[in-house]
Amino acid sequence: MYSDAFVSEGNQNRKGVLVRSVTNFVSENRLVEGEFFYEANTRRQALLQESYIEVGPEIGQYVWDDLNEDGVQQVDEFFQEVSSNEGTFIRQFLPSDDLLPAVDLNARF
């Protein structure tokens, strides 16, 4: 059982699926041998939010152009630098509190 604090934050049991198959095959004349691996997994992943942090021209790669002249930095107003040392911002992707369903799939021959 979960603690009361865990449940009070809206958390609960989550169901997931994991499918894994490893299949070996050999032809009748043993000319061809191999292995097939397949794995699928469901999970929940944090939504990543794009943000820009001012760091200076030494390591910055993005410039801010206030397109609508409102003085507020918006994600669609950042552009990659054209010339060296022009950018003063770096782009970061930060995880949010929102979780989205995701599927991992791996297959190999």
N, C-alpha and C. Protein backbone atom coordinates (compact mmCIF):
# COMPACT_ATOMS: atom_id res chain seq x y z
N MET A 1 0.83 -1.19 0.00
CA MET A 1 0.00 0.00 0.00
C MET A 1 0.87 1.25 0.00
N TYR A 2 0.34 2.29 -0.58
CA TYR A 2 1.06 3.55 -0.64
C TYR A 2 0.76 4.40 0.59
N SER A 3 1.64 5.34 0.87
CA SER A 3 1.43 6.24 2.00
C SER A 3 0.30 7.22 1.66
N ASP A 4 -0.27 7.81 2.69
CA ASP A 4 -1.36 8.77 2.49
C ASP A 4 -0.88 9.98 1.69
N ALA A 5 0.36 10.40 1.91
CA ALA A 5 0.90 11.55 1.17
C ALA A 5 0.98 11.24 -0.32
N PHE A 6 1.36 10.02 -0.67
CA PHE A 6 1.46 9.61 -2.07
C PHE A 6 0.08 9.65 -2.72
N VAL A 7 -0.92 9.13 -2.04
CA VAL A 7 -2.27 9.08 -2.58
C VAL A 7 -2.89 10.47 -2.63
N SER A 8 -2.61 11.32 -1.63
CA SER A 8 -3.21 12.66 -1.59
C SER A 8 -2.72 13.54 -2.74
N GLU A 9 -1.58 13.23 -3.32
CA GLU A 9 -1.07 13.98 -4.46
C GLU A 9 -1.66 13.49 -5.78
N GLY A 10 -2.60 12.57 -5.71
CA GLY A 10 -3.25 12.07 -6.91
C GLY A 10 -2.54 10.90 -7.56
N ASN A 11 -1.56 10.35 -6.89
CA ASN A 11 -0.84 9.20 -7.44
C ASN A 11 -1.60 7.91 -7.15
N GLN A 12 -1.44 6.96 -8.00
CA GLN A 12 -2.11 5.67 -7.83
C GLN A 12 -1.35 4.61 -8.61
N ASN A 13 -1.81 3.38 -8.47
CA ASN A 13 -1.19 2.29 -9.22
C ASN A 13 -1.33 2.53 -10.72
N ARG A 14 -0.33 2.17 -11.45
CA ARG A 14 -0.35 2.26 -12.91
C ARG A 14 -0.08 0.88 -13.48
N LYS A 15 -0.80 0.55 -14.52
CA LYS A 15 -0.58 -0.73 -15.17
C LYS A 15 0.27 -0.52 -16.40
N GLY A 16 1.15 -1.46 -16.65
CA GLY A 16 2.02 -1.39 -17.81
C GLY A 16 2.12 -2.76 -18.45
N VAL A 17 2.66 -2.78 -19.66
CA VAL A 17 2.81 -4.03 -20.40
C VAL A 17 4.27 -4.16 -20.83
N LEU A 18 4.82 -5.33 -20.63
CA LEU A 18 6.16 -5.65 -21.11
C LEU A 18 6.07 -6.95 -21.90
N VAL A 19 6.45 -6.90 -23.16
CA VAL A 19 6.45 -8.08 -24.02
C VAL A 19 7.88 -8.29 -24.50
N ARG A 20 8.40 -9.48 -24.31
CA ARG A 20 9.77 -9.79 -24.76
C ARG A 20 9.75 -11.16 -25.44
N SER A 21 10.38 -11.22 -26.60
CA SER A 21 10.47 -12.48 -27.33
C SER A 21 11.87 -12.62 -27.90
N VAL A 22 12.49 -13.76 -27.65
CA VAL A 22 13.78 -14.10 -28.24
C VAL A 22 13.59 -15.41 -28.97
N THR A 23 13.75 -15.38 -30.29
CA THR A 23 13.50 -16.56 -31.12
C THR A 23 14.77 -16.91 -31.89
N ASN A 24 15.23 -18.13 -31.75
CA ASN A 24 16.37 -18.63 -32.51
C ASN A 24 15.85 -19.41 -33.71
N PHE A 25 16.51 -19.27 -34.84
CA PHE A 25 16.09 -20.03 -36.02
C PHE A 25 17.31 -20.61 -36.73
N VAL A 26 17.10 -21.78 -37.34
CA VAL A 26 18.14 -22.49 -38.09
C VAL A 26 17.46 -23.11 -39.30
N SER A 27 18.05 -22.93 -40.49
CA SER A 27 17.49 -23.55 -41.68
C SER A 27 17.77 -25.06 -41.64
N GLU A 28 17.05 -25.80 -42.47
CA GLU A 28 17.19 -27.27 -42.46
C GLU A 28 18.62 -27.71 -42.76
N ASN A 29 19.28 -27.03 -43.67
CA ASN A 29 20.65 -27.43 -44.03
C ASN A 29 21.70 -26.68 -43.19
N ARG A 30 21.25 -25.97 -42.19
CA ARG A 30 22.09 -25.21 -41.25
C ARG A 30 22.92 -24.13 -41.97
N LEU A 31 22.44 -23.75 -43.15
CA LEU A 31 23.13 -22.72 -43.91
C LEU A 31 22.87 -21.33 -43.31
N VAL A 32 21.68 -21.17 -42.76
CA VAL A 32 21.30 -19.88 -42.17
C VAL A 32 20.92 -20.10 -40.71
N GLU A 33 21.56 -19.35 -39.82
CA GLU A 33 21.23 -19.38 -38.40
C GLU A 33 21.08 -17.94 -37.93
N GLY A 34 20.24 -17.74 -36.96
CA GLY A 34 20.08 -16.38 -36.45
C GLY A 34 19.20 -16.32 -35.22
N GLU A 35 19.01 -15.09 -34.78
CA GLU A 35 18.19 -14.85 -33.60
C GLU A 35 17.38 -13.59 -33.85
N PHE A 36 16.13 -13.62 -33.45
CA PHE A 36 15.26 -12.46 -33.56
C PHE A 36 14.87 -12.04 -32.15
N PHE A 37 15.08 -10.75 -31.83
CA PHE A 37 14.75 -10.21 -30.52
C PHE A 37 13.71 -9.11 -30.69
N TYR A 38 12.65 -9.16 -29.89
CA TYR A 38 11.58 -8.17 -29.94
C TYR A 38 11.18 -7.83 -28.51
N GLU A 39 11.09 -6.53 -28.22
CA GLU A 39 10.69 -6.11 -26.88
C GLU A 39 9.84 -4.84 -27.00
N ALA A 40 8.70 -4.82 -26.32
CA ALA A 40 7.83 -3.65 -26.27
C ALA A 40 7.47 -3.39 -24.81
N ASN A 41 7.47 -2.11 -24.43
CA ASN A 41 7.23 -1.74 -23.05
C ASN A 41 6.41 -0.45 -23.01
N THR A 42 5.36 -0.42 -22.20
CA THR A 42 4.60 0.81 -22.02
C THR A 42 5.05 1.49 -20.74
N ARG A 43 5.06 2.81 -20.76
CA ARG A 43 5.49 3.57 -19.58
C ARG A 43 4.90 4.97 -19.66
N ARG A 44 5.18 5.76 -18.64
CA ARG A 44 4.76 7.16 -18.63
C ARG A 44 6.02 8.02 -18.57
N GLN A 45 6.05 9.07 -19.38
CA GLN A 45 7.23 9.91 -19.52
C GLN A 45 6.84 11.37 -19.27
N ALA A 46 7.72 12.10 -18.60
CA ALA A 46 7.46 13.51 -18.33
C ALA A 46 7.49 14.31 -19.63
N LEU A 47 6.55 15.23 -19.75
CA LEU A 47 6.51 16.14 -20.89
C LEU A 47 7.66 17.13 -20.74
N LEU A 48 8.44 17.32 -21.79
CA LEU A 48 9.58 18.23 -21.74
C LEU A 48 9.16 19.61 -22.25
N GLN A 49 9.51 20.64 -21.48
CA GLN A 49 9.18 22.01 -21.85
C GLN A 49 10.44 22.72 -22.31
N GLU A 50 10.35 23.36 -23.47
CA GLU A 50 11.49 24.08 -24.04
C GLU A 50 11.64 25.42 -23.33
N SER A 51 12.85 25.74 -22.91
CA SER A 51 13.11 27.03 -22.27
C SER A 51 14.49 27.51 -22.69
N TYR A 52 14.72 28.80 -22.55
CA TYR A 52 15.99 29.40 -22.93
C TYR A 52 16.58 30.13 -21.73
N ILE A 53 17.88 29.96 -21.52
CA ILE A 53 18.57 30.55 -20.38
C ILE A 53 19.68 31.45 -20.91
N GLU A 54 19.74 32.67 -20.38
CA GLU A 54 20.78 33.61 -20.82
C GLU A 54 22.10 33.25 -20.17
N VAL A 55 23.13 33.04 -20.99
CA VAL A 55 24.44 32.62 -20.49
C VAL A 55 25.58 33.50 -20.98
N GLY A 56 25.35 34.34 -21.95
CA GLY A 56 26.41 35.19 -22.49
C GLY A 56 26.93 34.66 -23.82
N PRO A 57 27.71 35.48 -24.53
CA PRO A 57 28.16 35.12 -25.87
C PRO A 57 29.21 34.01 -25.92
N GLU A 58 29.83 33.69 -24.79
CA GLU A 58 30.87 32.66 -24.81
C GLU A 58 30.32 31.29 -25.17
N ILE A 59 29.15 30.94 -24.61
CA ILE A 59 28.59 29.61 -24.88
C ILE A 59 27.17 29.67 -25.46
N GLY A 60 26.62 30.87 -25.60
CA GLY A 60 25.26 31.01 -26.13
C GLY A 60 25.18 30.60 -27.59
N GLN A 61 24.05 30.01 -27.97
CA GLN A 61 23.85 29.56 -29.35
C GLN A 61 22.57 30.13 -29.96
N TYR A 62 21.79 30.85 -29.16
CA TYR A 62 20.51 31.38 -29.63
C TYR A 62 20.41 32.87 -29.33
N VAL A 63 19.70 33.58 -30.20
CA VAL A 63 19.44 35.01 -29.99
C VAL A 63 17.94 35.20 -29.82
N TRP A 64 17.59 36.23 -29.06
CA TRP A 64 16.18 36.56 -28.84
C TRP A 64 15.82 37.77 -29.68
N ASP A 65 14.78 37.66 -30.49
CA ASP A 65 14.27 38.76 -31.30
C ASP A 65 12.83 38.97 -30.88
N ASP A 66 12.55 40.08 -30.21
CA ASP A 66 11.21 40.38 -29.69
C ASP A 66 10.30 40.75 -30.86
N LEU A 67 9.76 39.74 -31.53
CA LEU A 67 8.99 39.95 -32.76
C LEU A 67 7.74 40.79 -32.56
N ASN A 68 7.02 40.57 -31.46
CA ASN A 68 5.78 41.32 -31.23
C ASN A 68 6.00 42.53 -30.31
N GLU A 69 7.24 42.81 -29.97
CA GLU A 69 7.64 43.98 -29.19
C GLU A 69 6.84 44.14 -27.90
N ASP A 70 6.61 43.02 -27.20
CA ASP A 70 5.91 43.10 -25.92
C ASP A 70 6.85 42.99 -24.72
N GLY A 71 8.14 42.78 -24.98
CA GLY A 71 9.13 42.70 -23.91
C GLY A 71 9.13 41.38 -23.16
N VAL A 72 8.33 40.42 -23.60
CA VAL A 72 8.24 39.11 -22.94
C VAL A 72 8.89 38.06 -23.84
N GLN A 73 9.81 37.29 -23.27
CA GLN A 73 10.48 36.25 -24.05
C GLN A 73 9.52 35.07 -24.26
N GLN A 74 9.29 34.73 -25.52
CA GLN A 74 8.43 33.61 -25.87
C GLN A 74 9.25 32.62 -26.69
N VAL A 75 8.91 31.35 -26.59
CA VAL A 75 9.70 30.28 -27.20
C VAL A 75 9.89 30.49 -28.70
N ASP A 76 8.87 30.99 -29.39
CA ASP A 76 8.98 31.15 -30.84
C ASP A 76 9.76 32.41 -31.25
N GLU A 77 10.34 33.14 -30.29
CA GLU A 77 11.11 34.33 -30.61
C GLU A 77 12.62 34.09 -30.49
N PHE A 78 13.03 32.85 -30.30
CA PHE A 78 14.46 32.52 -30.20
C PHE A 78 14.91 31.86 -31.49
N PHE A 79 16.08 32.29 -31.98
CA PHE A 79 16.61 31.79 -33.24
C PHE A 79 18.07 31.43 -33.07
N GLN A 80 18.54 30.45 -33.85
CA GLN A 80 19.95 30.07 -33.78
C GLN A 80 20.82 31.20 -34.29
N GLU A 81 21.98 31.35 -33.65
CA GLU A 81 22.90 32.42 -34.05
C GLU A 81 23.38 32.19 -35.48
N VAL A 82 23.60 33.30 -36.19
CA VAL A 82 24.08 33.24 -37.56
C VAL A 82 25.60 33.34 -37.59
N SER A 83 26.15 34.22 -36.76
CA SER A 83 27.60 34.37 -36.70
C SER A 83 28.10 33.99 -35.30
N SER A 84 29.34 33.69 -35.21
CA SER A 84 29.96 33.27 -33.96
C SER A 84 29.85 34.37 -32.89
N ASN A 85 29.62 33.98 -31.65
CA ASN A 85 29.51 34.87 -30.49
C ASN A 85 28.33 35.84 -30.57
N GLU A 86 27.36 35.56 -31.41
CA GLU A 86 26.17 36.39 -31.51
C GLU A 86 25.12 35.96 -30.48
N GLY A 87 25.02 34.65 -30.26
CA GLY A 87 24.00 34.13 -29.35
C GLY A 87 24.35 34.33 -27.89
N THR A 88 23.34 34.62 -27.09
CA THR A 88 23.56 34.80 -25.65
C THR A 88 22.68 33.87 -24.82
N PHE A 89 21.94 32.98 -25.46
CA PHE A 89 21.05 32.05 -24.77
C PHE A 89 21.38 30.61 -25.16
N ILE A 90 21.10 29.67 -24.27
CA ILE A 90 21.15 28.25 -24.60
C ILE A 90 19.75 27.69 -24.44
N ARG A 91 19.47 26.63 -25.17
CA ARG A 91 18.15 25.98 -25.09
C ARG A 91 18.24 24.80 -24.13
N GLN A 92 17.24 24.69 -23.26
CA GLN A 92 17.15 23.59 -22.31
C GLN A 92 15.76 22.98 -22.41
N PHE A 93 15.69 21.67 -22.23
CA PHE A 93 14.41 20.98 -22.14
C PHE A 93 14.25 20.50 -20.71
N LEU A 94 13.27 21.04 -20.01
CA LEU A 94 13.06 20.72 -18.61
C LEU A 94 11.82 19.86 -18.45
N PRO A 95 11.87 18.81 -17.62
CA PRO A 95 10.70 17.96 -17.42
C PRO A 95 9.62 18.69 -16.63
N SER A 96 8.38 18.51 -17.04
CA SER A 96 7.26 19.11 -16.31
C SER A 96 6.64 18.05 -15.39
N ASP A 97 5.60 18.44 -14.68
CA ASP A 97 4.90 17.50 -13.80
C ASP A 97 3.90 16.64 -14.57
N ASP A 98 3.64 16.97 -15.84
CA ASP A 98 2.69 16.21 -16.64
C ASP A 98 3.35 14.96 -17.19
N LEU A 99 2.67 13.83 -17.04
CA LEU A 99 3.18 12.56 -17.56
C LEU A 99 2.33 12.11 -18.75
N LEU A 100 3.01 11.69 -19.79
CA LEU A 100 2.33 11.22 -21.00
C LEU A 100 2.65 9.75 -21.23
N PRO A 101 1.70 8.98 -21.77
CA PRO A 101 2.00 7.58 -22.07
C PRO A 101 3.01 7.48 -23.21
N ALA A 102 3.91 6.52 -23.09
CA ALA A 102 4.93 6.30 -24.12
C ALA A 102 5.14 4.81 -24.30
N VAL A 103 5.63 4.42 -25.48
CA VAL A 103 5.91 3.02 -25.78
C VAL A 103 7.35 2.93 -26.26
N ASP A 104 8.11 2.02 -25.67
CA ASP A 104 9.46 1.71 -26.13
C ASP A 104 9.40 0.44 -26.95
N LEU A 105 10.05 0.42 -28.10
CA LEU A 105 10.04 -0.75 -28.96
C LEU A 105 11.46 -1.01 -29.43
N ASN A 106 11.93 -2.24 -29.23
CA ASN A 106 13.26 -2.66 -29.69
C ASN A 106 13.10 -3.94 -30.49
N ALA A 107 13.80 -4.01 -31.61
CA ALA A 107 13.80 -5.23 -32.42
C ALA A 107 15.18 -5.38 -33.06
N ARG A 108 15.69 -6.61 -33.07
CA ARG A 108 17.00 -6.90 -33.68
C ARG A 108 16.93 -8.25 -34.38
N PHE A 109 17.72 -8.38 -35.44
CA PHE A 109 17.87 -9.66 -36.13
C PHE A 109 19.25 -10.19 -35.86
